[in-house]
Amino acid sequence: MNKEKKLKKPVASFIVLTNIIFWPLFCLVGAIKMLGLPAWLFDVMFIISAWSSTFAFAILFKRIYPGQSFIQFVKDKFKNKLKFSVMLTVSMIQTFLFLMILFLATKNSEVDSIFTVSSWGMLIYFFFKNFLAGPLGEEIGWRGFAQIELQKKHSPLKASIIIGFWWGMWHLPIWFTTGLVGIDLIKYILFFMISILSIKIVMTAFYNLNQNLIIPIIIHQFFNFFIGIINGNLIDLIMYSAILYSVAAVLLIVLNPKKVLYGKEDTNIVRSGI
């Protein structure tokens, strides 16, 4: 492919195309819900819509990295050996945050059950449905490509804030399915964006320590899964998440700013920004 056809702003193109693909898919998910079609069909379409960023990246790939293989690119994101210390730290941090959120949510909640699932079967189903949607469907595009691409030009922290903002805005249609209106909706959006930006910084910090896409996938899975199984007020849950993950993000910046968040990505791939 000619160099003239190579995308000059690959990350911006990726973000735009991701939304172009996501919106009609999400509308189809809504239509399935409104028409009262089978729940399994709703779940399947919801999972497919979550893969919009991967679809967008695959479509644009040859114009972003001419001459390279998309399959090989994806494989390379998982080739580095996982570090036990990183996996253990990530698991401990998120388990601790989950217990804190659970404690705060149940302390101020009047619901009969502290969990949204009532059986092991439903718990396993929710776990894998959640995994196939957000964590597996979103990380190849948003983290595997967009984050790393911006780190060629910006610090990991700045790249995290940029990608975190647009990743959060990508969720915009979902905000209006919560049933919240007025000041409650504003609160939800504010806390949601703080949570997204904070979790994005946490993902970047640990991904840069291990360079294996399984790390952000695990963080994403734990975040969505733990929040999803707690039975409590939605605004309270997202508020607790925003506060606790913000504290975790700040601590990571304070504890290891130079190595984890402020150095640029060391790569030989041609630099290009948003």
Foldseek 3Di string as FASTA:
>chain_A
DDLVLADQAVLVQLLVQLLVQLVVLVVVLVVCVVVVHDPVVSLVSQQVSLLSSVVSCVVNVCSHPPPDDPVVLQVQLAPFDDDPVLVVVLVVLLVVLLVVLLVVFVVPFDDPDFWPDDDPVVLVVVLVSLLSHNLVRHLCRLPSPQLQQALQPFWSLVSLLVSLQSVLVSCVVVLVVPPDDDPLSVLLSVLSSLLSSLLSLVQQQSCLVGSHSVSSSVSSSSVVSSLNTGDGDNSSSSNSSSVSSNVVSVCSCVVDVPSRTGHGDDDPPDHHHD
